[in-house]
Structure formats: C-alpha cells, structure tokens
Amino acid sequence: MLDALFQYELLRNTFYTGLLVGLIAPLLGAFIVVRRQSMIADGLSHVTLAGLAFGLLMQNILY
C-alpha cells in the first residue's frame, strides 16, 4: 500500500508536506496560546484560507 503512495511524485510531496505541517503546527499553536496571541493566529488562519481560495481561483482562470 505504501508503495502506491510513494510511486507518484505528487503524492510523495503531499505526504512529506503533511508530515512537516503535522510536526510544526502543534509547536507553533502551543507557543501562540502560551503568549495569549490566539486572536492573531485566528486572523492569520482566515487570511491563509482566503489566499488558498484566491490561488485556486487564479489557477482555474489561467489554465
């Protein structure tokens, strides 16, 4: 089963990115909560979501 996952470059890169985000996000989240800056993190997550939506929209328009 893992052979099929690592056979394609896209799935390999997606897997590595997921692992990286899975390791970094909890550390960053704990730091933000301790520093009581959770509202800033909430705003950044909404900006990121809007940026992803805009990127997907531009990809569909340009290609």
N, C-alpha and C. Protein backbone atom coordinates (compact mmCIF):
# COMPACT_ATOMS: atom_id res chain seq x y z
N MET A 1 0.82 -1.19 0.00
CA MET A 1 0.00 0.00 0.00
C MET A 1 0.87 1.26 0.00
N LEU A 2 1.92 1.25 0.78
CA LEU A 2 2.79 2.42 0.80
C LEU A 2 3.58 2.56 -0.50
N ASP A 3 3.77 1.45 -1.21
CA ASP A 3 4.46 1.53 -2.50
C ASP A 3 3.66 2.40 -3.47
N ALA A 4 2.34 2.25 -3.45
CA ALA A 4 1.49 3.05 -4.34
C ALA A 4 1.55 4.53 -3.94
N LEU A 5 1.68 4.79 -2.65
CA LEU A 5 1.74 6.18 -2.18
C LEU A 5 3.01 6.87 -2.66
N PHE A 6 4.11 6.16 -2.62
CA PHE A 6 5.38 6.77 -2.98
C PHE A 6 5.74 6.60 -4.46
N GLN A 7 4.86 6.00 -5.21
CA GLN A 7 5.13 5.82 -6.63
C GLN A 7 5.01 7.13 -7.40
N TYR A 8 4.10 7.99 -7.00
CA TYR A 8 3.85 9.25 -7.70
C TYR A 8 4.47 10.40 -6.93
N GLU A 9 5.09 11.31 -7.67
CA GLU A 9 5.78 12.44 -7.04
C GLU A 9 4.81 13.34 -6.29
N LEU A 10 3.63 13.58 -6.85
CA LEU A 10 2.66 14.45 -6.19
C LEU A 10 2.25 13.90 -4.84
N LEU A 11 1.95 12.61 -4.78
CA LEU A 11 1.57 12.01 -3.51
C LEU A 11 2.72 11.98 -2.52
N ARG A 12 3.93 11.76 -3.03
CA ARG A 12 5.11 11.78 -2.16
C ARG A 12 5.28 13.17 -1.54
N ASN A 13 5.19 14.23 -2.37
CA ASN A 13 5.34 15.59 -1.86
C ASN A 13 4.22 15.96 -0.90
N THR A 14 3.01 15.50 -1.20
CA THR A 14 1.88 15.76 -0.30
C THR A 14 2.08 15.09 1.05
N PHE A 15 2.58 13.88 1.03
CA PHE A 15 2.84 13.15 2.27
C PHE A 15 3.90 13.85 3.11
N TYR A 16 4.99 14.26 2.47
CA TYR A 16 6.06 14.95 3.19
C TYR A 16 5.58 16.29 3.74
N THR A 17 4.78 17.01 2.96
CA THR A 17 4.26 18.29 3.43
C THR A 17 3.33 18.09 4.62
N GLY A 18 2.50 17.07 4.56
CA GLY A 18 1.61 16.76 5.68
C GLY A 18 2.38 16.43 6.95
N LEU A 19 3.45 15.67 6.80
CA LEU A 19 4.28 15.37 7.96
C LEU A 19 4.92 16.63 8.54
N LEU A 20 5.41 17.48 7.66
CA LEU A 20 6.05 18.72 8.11
C LEU A 20 5.06 19.62 8.84
N VAL A 21 3.89 19.80 8.26
CA VAL A 21 2.87 20.63 8.90
C VAL A 21 2.41 19.99 10.21
N GLY A 22 2.29 18.67 10.21
CA GLY A 22 1.89 17.96 11.43
C GLY A 22 2.89 18.09 12.57
N LEU A 23 4.15 18.30 12.24
CA LEU A 23 5.16 18.49 13.28
C LEU A 23 5.26 19.94 13.74
N ILE A 24 5.11 20.88 12.81
CA ILE A 24 5.31 22.29 13.13
C ILE A 24 4.07 22.93 13.76
N ALA A 25 2.88 22.60 13.26
CA ALA A 25 1.66 23.27 13.71
C ALA A 25 1.40 23.14 15.23
N PRO A 26 1.53 21.96 15.83
CA PRO A 26 1.30 21.89 17.28
C PRO A 26 2.31 22.72 18.09
N LEU A 27 3.54 22.75 17.64
CA LEU A 27 4.54 23.55 18.36
C LEU A 27 4.21 25.03 18.26
N LEU A 28 3.86 25.48 17.09
CA LEU A 28 3.50 26.88 16.90
C LEU A 28 2.22 27.22 17.64
N GLY A 29 1.25 26.31 17.61
CA GLY A 29 -0.02 26.53 18.30
C GLY A 29 0.17 26.66 19.80
N ALA A 30 0.99 25.80 20.38
CA ALA A 30 1.23 25.87 21.83
C ALA A 30 1.93 27.18 22.19
N PHE A 31 2.86 27.61 21.38
CA PHE A 31 3.56 28.87 21.63
C PHE A 31 2.59 30.05 21.58
N ILE A 32 1.69 30.04 20.60
CA ILE A 32 0.74 31.15 20.45
C ILE A 32 -0.23 31.20 21.63
N VAL A 33 -0.69 30.04 22.08
CA VAL A 33 -1.63 30.02 23.20
C VAL A 33 -0.94 30.49 24.47
N VAL A 34 0.29 30.08 24.67
CA VAL A 34 1.02 30.49 25.87
C VAL A 34 1.24 32.00 25.86
N ARG A 35 1.50 32.56 24.68
CA ARG A 35 1.74 34.00 24.58
C ARG A 35 0.43 34.81 24.51
N ARG A 36 -0.70 34.13 24.55
CA ARG A 36 -2.04 34.75 24.52
C ARG A 36 -2.25 35.58 23.25
N GLN A 37 -1.81 35.04 22.16
CA GLN A 37 -1.98 35.69 20.88
C GLN A 37 -2.87 34.87 19.96
N SER A 38 -3.85 34.19 20.55
CA SER A 38 -4.69 33.29 19.76
C SER A 38 -5.55 34.05 18.76
N MET A 39 -5.90 35.30 19.05
CA MET A 39 -6.69 36.08 18.09
C MET A 39 -5.88 36.38 16.84
N ILE A 40 -4.59 36.62 17.00
CA ILE A 40 -3.72 36.85 15.84
C ILE A 40 -3.63 35.57 15.01
N ALA A 41 -3.51 34.43 15.67
CA ALA A 41 -3.45 33.16 14.95
C ALA A 41 -4.76 32.90 14.22
N ASP A 42 -5.88 33.25 14.82
CA ASP A 42 -7.17 33.07 14.17
C ASP A 42 -7.27 33.95 12.92
N GLY A 43 -6.80 35.17 13.02
CA GLY A 43 -6.80 36.05 11.86
C GLY A 43 -5.89 35.55 10.75
N LEU A 44 -4.72 35.05 11.12
CA LEU A 44 -3.80 34.51 10.13
C LEU A 44 -4.38 33.28 9.42
N SER A 45 -5.10 32.46 10.16
CA SER A 45 -5.69 31.28 9.52
C SER A 45 -6.76 31.68 8.51
N HIS A 46 -7.52 32.73 8.81
CA HIS A 46 -8.53 33.19 7.86
C HIS A 46 -7.88 33.83 6.64
N VAL A 47 -6.81 34.55 6.83
CA VAL A 47 -6.10 35.13 5.69
C VAL A 47 -5.51 34.03 4.82
N THR A 48 -4.98 32.99 5.45
CA THR A 48 -4.42 31.87 4.70
C THR A 48 -5.50 31.17 3.89
N LEU A 49 -6.68 30.97 4.48
CA LEU A 49 -7.77 30.33 3.76
C LEU A 49 -8.18 31.17 2.55
N ALA A 50 -8.26 32.49 2.73
CA ALA A 50 -8.60 33.36 1.60
C ALA A 50 -7.52 33.31 0.53
N GLY A 51 -6.26 33.23 0.92
CA GLY A 51 -5.17 33.14 -0.04
C GLY A 51 -5.21 31.84 -0.83
N LEU A 52 -5.54 30.75 -0.17
CA LEU A 52 -5.67 29.48 -0.87
C LEU A 52 -6.83 29.51 -1.87
N ALA A 53 -7.96 30.08 -1.45
CA ALA A 53 -9.11 30.18 -2.35
C ALA A 53 -8.77 31.05 -3.55
N PHE A 54 -8.08 32.15 -3.33
CA PHE A 54 -7.69 33.03 -4.43
C PHE A 54 -6.71 32.32 -5.37
N GLY A 55 -5.77 31.58 -4.83
CA GLY A 55 -4.83 30.83 -5.65
C GLY A 55 -5.52 29.78 -6.51
N LEU A 56 -6.48 29.08 -5.92
CA LEU A 56 -7.24 28.09 -6.71
C LEU A 56 -8.06 28.77 -7.80
N LEU A 57 -8.65 29.91 -7.47
CA LEU A 57 -9.41 30.66 -8.46
C LEU A 57 -8.53 31.10 -9.62
N MET A 58 -7.36 31.63 -9.31
CA MET A 58 -6.45 32.08 -10.36
C MET A 58 -5.94 30.90 -11.19
N GLN A 59 -5.74 29.77 -10.55
CA GLN A 59 -5.29 28.59 -11.29
C GLN A 59 -6.36 28.15 -12.29
N ASN A 60 -7.62 28.22 -11.88
CA ASN A 60 -8.71 27.82 -12.78
C ASN A 60 -8.88 28.83 -13.90
N ILE A 61 -8.64 30.09 -13.64
CA ILE A 61 -8.79 31.12 -14.67
C ILE A 61 -7.64 31.06 -15.67
N LEU A 62 -6.42 30.88 -15.18
CA LEU A 62 -5.26 30.94 -16.06
C LEU A 62 -5.03 29.65 -16.84
N TYR A 63 -5.46 28.52 -16.32
CA TYR A 63 -5.19 27.26 -17.02
C TYR A 63 -6.46 26.66 -17.52
